[in-house]
Protein backbone atom coordinates (compact mmCIF):
# COMPACT_ATOMS: atom_id res chain seq x y z
CA MET A 1 -29.97 56.03 -73.34
CA ARG A 2 -29.02 53.21 -70.99
CA MET A 3 -25.32 52.66 -70.28
CA GLN A 4 -24.07 49.11 -70.47
CA VAL A 5 -20.74 47.61 -69.42
CA GLU A 6 -19.69 44.40 -71.08
CA LYS A 7 -16.53 42.35 -70.61
CA ARG A 8 -15.50 39.87 -73.31
CA PHE A 9 -12.46 37.70 -73.68
CA THR A 10 -11.45 37.46 -77.34
CA GLY A 11 -8.26 35.53 -77.95
CA PHE A 12 -5.60 37.12 -75.80
CA ILE A 13 -7.32 40.49 -75.39
CA LEU A 14 -9.84 41.35 -72.69
CA LEU A 15 -12.24 43.99 -73.95
CA GLN A 16 -14.21 46.11 -71.54
CA ILE A 17 -16.86 48.04 -73.40
CA THR A 18 -18.85 50.90 -71.92
CA MET A 19 -21.45 52.08 -74.37
CA GLY A 20 -24.93 53.38 -74.98
CA THR A 21 -27.07 50.63 -76.40
CA ILE A 22 -28.96 50.45 -79.72
CA ASN A 23 -30.42 47.07 -78.74
CA VAL A 24 -33.19 45.94 -76.40
CA ASN A 25 -32.62 42.60 -74.67
CA GLY A 26 -29.89 41.82 -77.20
CA CYS A 27 -32.10 42.46 -80.25
CA SER A 28 -31.63 45.32 -82.68
CA VAL A 29 -34.32 48.00 -82.62
CA CYS A 30 -33.45 49.20 -86.12
CA ALA A 31 -36.51 49.93 -88.28
CA ALA A 32 -36.72 48.85 -91.94
CA GLY A 33 -34.77 51.19 -94.24
CA LYS A 34 -33.04 52.89 -91.29
CA GLU A 35 -29.64 52.87 -89.60
CA ASN A 36 -28.71 53.08 -85.91
CA TYR A 37 -25.24 53.63 -84.53
CA THR A 38 -23.44 54.42 -81.31
CA THR A 39 -19.82 54.94 -80.33
CA PHE A 40 -18.03 53.20 -77.51
CA ASN A 41 -14.58 53.21 -76.00
CA THR A 42 -12.68 50.03 -75.36
CA LYS A 43 -9.23 49.08 -74.23
CA ILE A 44 -7.18 46.77 -76.44
CA GLY A 45 -4.10 45.80 -74.52
CA ARG A 46 -3.05 49.10 -72.91
CA LYS A 47 -4.41 51.31 -75.66
CA ASN A 48 -7.81 53.05 -75.43
CA VAL A 49 -9.63 53.05 -78.77
CA LYS A 50 -12.95 54.45 -79.97
CA ARG A 51 -15.20 52.21 -82.08
CA MET A 52 -18.68 52.40 -83.55
CA GLN A 53 -21.45 49.80 -83.42
CA TYR A 54 -23.64 50.09 -86.52
CA ASP A 55 -26.94 48.44 -87.50
CA TYR A 56 -28.81 48.82 -90.79
CA ARG A 57 -32.04 47.06 -91.77
CA THR A 58 -33.01 46.84 -95.44
CA LEU A 59 -36.53 47.49 -96.69
CA GLU A 60 -36.89 43.69 -96.98
CA GLY A 61 -36.02 43.31 -93.28
CA GLU A 62 -32.46 41.94 -93.61
CA LEU A 63 -30.24 43.17 -90.76
CA PHE A 64 -26.62 44.22 -91.24
CA SER A 65 -24.56 44.86 -88.13
CA CYS A 66 -20.87 45.66 -87.74
CA ILE A 67 -18.20 47.32 -85.64
CA GLY A 68 -16.03 49.94 -87.35
CA THR A 69 -13.55 52.66 -86.58
CA ASN A 70 -15.94 55.43 -87.69
CA LEU A 71 -19.29 55.97 -89.41
CA GLU A 72 -17.79 56.15 -92.91
CA ASP A 73 -16.05 52.79 -92.36
CA CYS A 74 -19.33 51.19 -91.24
CA ARG A 75 -21.26 52.62 -94.20
CA ARG A 76 -18.58 51.39 -96.62
CA LYS A 77 -18.95 47.87 -95.13
CA ARG A 78 -22.74 48.17 -95.42
CA ASN A 79 -22.54 49.23 -99.08
CA GLU A 80 -20.25 46.29 -99.87
CA TRP A 81 -22.71 43.93 -98.14
CA ILE A 82 -25.67 45.39 -100.06
CA SER A 83 -23.81 45.06 -103.38
CA LYS A 84 -22.70 41.51 -102.62
CA ASN A 85 -26.24 40.42 -101.70
CA ASN A 86 -28.07 42.47 -104.39
CA LEU A 87 -30.33 44.13 -101.84
CA LYS A 88 -32.26 47.38 -102.18
CA ARG A 89 -31.37 50.50 -100.22
CA ASN A 90 -33.93 53.09 -99.09
């Protein structure tokens, strides 16, 4: 797994993210009907927090991607997205 450091300015908070990647050249490598996820640590203000990057691709090829506090949070967001869009799960 390749380590990647990314700095982003979002509003008034500078995020520095050090994480393993689940993407190649910025594109998700998630196969149809599968999920990929990785955790990363970031600093928001002075506080260090752990977050999860999550990708899920439906059998039809639709990609869902989110950042959550843990895997259960990401899967809950995915299930809401699937229900809202009437998509099939594997």
